[in-house]
C-alpha atoms as a PDB file:
ATOM      1  CA  GLN A   1      21.697  55.951 -45.837  1.00  0.00           C
ATOM      2  CA  VAL A   2      19.689  57.837 -48.422  1.00  0.00           C
ATOM      3  CA  GLN A   3      16.405  59.601 -47.795  1.00  0.00           C
ATOM      4  CA  LEU A   4      14.040  60.320 -50.676  1.00  0.00           C
ATOM      5  CA  VAL A   5      11.249  62.876 -50.637  1.00  0.00           C
ATOM      6  CA  GLU A   6       8.716  63.132 -53.442  1.00  0.00           C
ATOM      7  CA  SER A   7       6.718  66.243 -54.271  1.00  0.00           C
ATOM      8  CA  GLY A   8       4.626  67.651 -57.078  1.00  0.00           C
ATOM      9  CA  GLY A   9       1.590  65.429 -56.901  1.00  0.00           C
ATOM     10  CA  GLY A  10      -1.938  66.771 -56.971  1.00  0.00           C
ATOM     11  CA  LEU A  11      -5.278  66.838 -58.751  1.00  0.00           C
ATOM     12  CA  VAL A  12      -5.331  67.439 -62.495  1.00  0.00           C
ATOM     13  CA  GLN A  13      -7.865  67.043 -65.264  1.00  0.00           C
ATOM     14  CA  ALA A  14      -7.435  64.412 -67.942  1.00  0.00           C
ATOM     15  CA  GLY A  15      -5.079  65.664 -70.629  1.00  0.00           C
ATOM     16  CA  GLY A  16      -3.168  67.809 -68.174  1.00  0.00           C
ATOM     17  CA  SER A  17       0.413  67.627 -66.954  1.00  0.00           C
ATOM     18  CA  LEU A  18       2.331  67.326 -63.718  1.00  0.00           C
ATOM     19  CA  ARG A  19       6.000  67.164 -62.819  1.00  0.00           C
ATOM     20  CA  LEU A  20       7.004  65.040 -59.863  1.00  0.00           C
ATOM     21  CA  SER A  21      10.282  65.618 -58.065  1.00  0.00           C
ATOM     22  CA  CYS A  22      12.313  63.239 -55.957  1.00  0.00           C
ATOM     23  CA  GLU A  23      15.001  64.868 -53.843  1.00  0.00           C
ATOM     24  CA  ALA A  24      17.664  62.762 -52.188  1.00  0.00           C
ATOM     25  CA  SER A  25      19.467  63.605 -48.978  1.00  0.00           C
ATOM     26  CA  GLY A  26      22.023  61.816 -46.888  1.00  0.00           C
ATOM     27  CA  ARG A  27      24.705  59.962 -48.829  1.00  0.00           C
ATOM     28  CA  THR A  28      23.758  61.468 -52.177  1.00  0.00           C
ATOM     29  CA  PHE A  29      26.188  60.042 -54.691  1.00  0.00           C
ATOM     30  CA  PRO A  30      24.416  59.321 -57.998  1.00  0.00           C
ATOM     31  CA  HIS A  31      21.958  56.455 -57.868  1.00  0.00           C
ATOM     32  CA  ALA A  32      20.053  54.569 -60.485  1.00  0.00           C
ATOM     33  CA  THR A  33      16.543  55.789 -59.765  1.00  0.00           C
ATOM     34  CA  GLY A  34      13.053  54.685 -60.626  1.00  0.00           C
ATOM     35  CA  TRP A  35       9.429  55.672 -60.259  1.00  0.00           C
ATOM     36  CA  PHE A  36       6.716  53.214 -59.314  1.00  0.00           C
ATOM     37  CA  ARG A  37       3.017  53.717 -58.697  1.00  0.00           C
ATOM     38  CA  GLN A  38       0.256  52.003 -56.811  1.00  0.00           C
ATOM     39  CA  ALA A  39      -3.417  52.497 -57.548  1.00  0.00           C
ATOM     40  CA  PRO A  40      -6.110  51.566 -55.011  1.00  0.00           C
ATOM     41  CA  GLY A  41      -6.613  47.817 -54.886  1.00  0.00           C
ATOM     42  CA  LYS A  42      -3.696  47.146 -57.213  1.00  0.00           C
ATOM     43  CA  GLU A  43      -0.105  46.098 -56.797  1.00  0.00           C
ATOM     44  CA  ARG A  44       2.735  48.574 -57.090  1.00  0.00           C
ATOM     45  CA  GLU A  45       3.991  48.734 -60.659  1.00  0.00           C
ATOM     46  CA  PHE A  46       7.037  50.029 -62.493  1.00  0.00           C
ATOM     47  CA  VAL A  47       6.659  53.365 -64.289  1.00  0.00           C
ATOM     48  CA  ALA A  48      10.096  54.627 -65.352  1.00  0.00           C
ATOM     49  CA  ALA A  49      13.773  54.415 -64.467  1.00  0.00           C
ATOM     50  CA  LEU A  50      17.140  55.826 -65.388  1.00  0.00           C
ATOM     51  CA  THR A  51      20.739  54.846 -64.798  1.00  0.00           C
ATOM     52  CA  TRP A  52      22.912  56.709 -62.319  1.00  0.00           C
ATOM     53  CA  SER A  53      24.493  58.617 -65.204  1.00  0.00           C
ATOM     54  CA  GLY A  54      21.101  59.578 -66.567  1.00  0.00           C
ATOM     55  CA  ARG A  55      22.163  58.288 -69.948  1.00  0.00           C
ATOM     56  CA  TYR A  56      19.738  55.387 -70.229  1.00  0.00           C
ATOM     57  CA  THR A  57      16.042  55.302 -69.440  1.00  0.00           C
ATOM     58  CA  ASP A  58      13.208  52.810 -69.607  1.00  0.00           C
ATOM     59  CA  TYR A  59       9.453  53.134 -69.339  1.00  0.00           C
ATOM     60  CA  ALA A  60       6.395  51.012 -68.809  1.00  0.00           C
ATOM     61  CA  ASP A  61       4.451  50.558 -72.041  1.00  0.00           C
ATOM     62  CA  SER A  62       1.467  52.342 -70.504  1.00  0.00           C
ATOM     63  CA  VAL A  63       3.395  55.619 -70.126  1.00  0.00           C
ATOM     64  CA  LYS A  64       5.762  55.581 -73.113  1.00  0.00           C
ATOM     65  CA  GLY A  65       5.503  58.768 -75.118  1.00  0.00           C
ATOM     66  CA  ARG A  66       3.709  60.584 -72.281  1.00  0.00           C
ATOM     67  CA  PHE A  67       6.110  60.457 -69.320  1.00  0.00           C
ATOM     68  CA  THR A  68       9.750  61.531 -69.185  1.00  0.00           C
ATOM     69  CA  ILE A  69      12.219  60.728 -66.415  1.00  0.00           C
ATOM     70  CA  SER A  70      15.269  62.909 -65.950  1.00  0.00           C
ATOM     71  CA  GLY A  71      17.854  63.677 -63.315  1.00  0.00           C
ATOM     72  CA  ASP A  72      19.936  66.547 -62.043  1.00  0.00           C
ATOM     73  CA  ASN A  73      22.834  65.162 -60.031  1.00  0.00           C
ATOM     74  CA  ALA A  74      23.910  68.651 -58.964  1.00  0.00           C
ATOM     75  CA  LYS A  75      20.553  69.032 -57.233  1.00  0.00           C
ATOM     76  CA  ASN A  76      20.298  65.393 -56.123  1.00  0.00           C
ATOM     77  CA  THR A  77      16.878  65.363 -57.742  1.00  0.00           C
ATOM     78  CA  VAL A  78      15.092  63.108 -60.208  1.00  0.00           C
ATOM     79  CA  TYR A  79      12.008  64.285 -62.061  1.00  0.00           C
ATOM     80  CA  LEU A  80       9.059  62.594 -63.699  1.00  0.00           C
ATOM     81  CA  ARG A  81       7.324  64.770 -66.236  1.00  0.00           C
ATOM     82  CA  MET A  82       3.831  63.449 -66.941  1.00  0.00           C
ATOM     83  CA  ASN A  83       1.900  64.724 -69.949  1.00  0.00           C
ATOM     84  CA  SER A  84      -1.456  63.741 -71.442  1.00  0.00           C
ATOM     85  CA  LEU A  85      -2.546  62.336 -68.107  1.00  0.00           C
ATOM     86  CA  LYS A  86      -5.386  59.819 -68.016  1.00  0.00           C
ATOM     87  CA  PRO A  87      -7.701  58.797 -65.157  1.00  0.00           C
ATOM     88  CA  GLU A  88      -5.937  55.431 -65.102  1.00  0.00           C
ATOM     89  CA  ASP A  89      -2.721  57.226 -64.115  1.00  0.00           C
ATOM     90  CA  THR A  90      -4.306  57.965 -60.734  1.00  0.00           C
ATOM     91  CA  ALA A  91      -2.099  56.418 -58.061  1.00  0.00           C
ATOM     92  CA  VAL A  92       0.407  57.076 -55.339  1.00  0.00           C
ATOM     93  CA  TYR A  93       3.750  57.597 -57.041  1.00  0.00           C
ATOM     94  CA  TYR A  94       6.909  56.420 -55.316  1.00  0.00           C
ATOM     95  CA  CYS A  95      10.507  57.298 -56.021  1.00  0.00           C
ATOM     96  CA  ALA A  96      13.133  54.636 -55.395  1.00  0.00           C
ATOM     97  CA  ALA A  97      16.919  54.457 -55.608  1.00  0.00           C
ATOM     98  CA  ARG A  98      19.282  51.541 -56.060  1.00  0.00           C
ATOM     99  CA  ARG A  99      22.456  51.051 -54.074  1.00  0.00           C
ATOM    100  CA  PRO A 100      25.474  53.011 -55.400  1.00  0.00           C
ATOM    101  CA  THR A 101      27.145  49.791 -56.614  1.00  0.00           C
ATOM    102  CA  GLU A 102      24.092  48.962 -58.739  1.00  0.00           C
ATOM    103  CA  GLN A 103      24.210  51.473 -61.561  1.00  0.00           C
ATOM    104  CA  SER A 104      21.968  49.897 -64.183  1.00  0.00           C
ATOM    105  CA  ILE A 105      18.234  50.377 -64.643  1.00  0.00           C
ATOM    106  CA  GLY A 106      16.031  48.432 -62.280  1.00  0.00           C
ATOM    107  CA  LEU A 107      12.619  47.269 -63.429  1.00  0.00           C
ATOM    108  CA  THR A 108      11.419  45.495 -60.299  1.00  0.00           C
ATOM    109  CA  GLN A 109      10.800  46.688 -56.758  1.00  0.00           C
ATOM    110  CA  ASN A 110      13.255  44.289 -55.170  1.00  0.00           C
ATOM    111  CA  GLN A 111      16.109  45.932 -57.073  1.00  0.00           C
ATOM    112  CA  TYR A 112      15.666  49.136 -55.078  1.00  0.00           C
ATOM    113  CA  ALA A 113      17.034  49.708 -51.602  1.00  0.00           C
ATOM    114  CA  TYR A 114      15.662  53.170 -50.806  1.00  0.00           C
ATOM    115  CA  TRP A 115      12.086  54.431 -51.096  1.00  0.00           C
ATOM    116  CA  GLY A 116      10.254  57.692 -50.620  1.00  0.00           C
ATOM    117  CA  GLN A 117       6.939  58.062 -48.849  1.00  0.00           C
ATOM    118  CA  GLY A 118       4.956  58.616 -52.041  1.00  0.00           C
ATOM    119  CA  THR A 119       2.943  61.455 -53.537  1.00  0.00           C
ATOM    120  CA  GLN A 120      -0.672  61.228 -54.644  1.00  0.00           C
ATOM    121  CA  VAL A 121      -1.594  61.909 -58.258  1.00  0.00           C
ATOM    122  CA  THR A 122      -5.288  62.103 -59.080  1.00  0.00           C
ATOM    123  CA  VAL A 123      -6.510  62.557 -62.647  1.00  0.00           C
ATOM    124  CA  SER A 124     -10.157  63.480 -63.063  1.00  0.00           C
ATOM    125  CA  SER A 125     -12.148  62.659 -66.193  1.00  0.00           C
END
């Protein structure tokens, strides 16, 4: 089993930056990892993902050029750097990991087996 714990959320003004962290514990071999978010009244949506090697990444169009996903396998941690934040980025952000045998990027929720509890990001205008 893998446990994921997100941190780094908070309140920030529009144009500001935050860095979210997702630390894995348990059976922590490298996993393809993704970030999703869910705003009030909306469905959870894909934000960013990277392969288990960290070599390949993908982003939702709405965050391209502003967000960067990266990983540190030595620390069992994946990061989401968020710059130029907008009020529409306000949401609960979830980290998710695929099974170890599934090493490619996952773009949909059902491709992920492990989920964190989420961290709130609020961007004020």
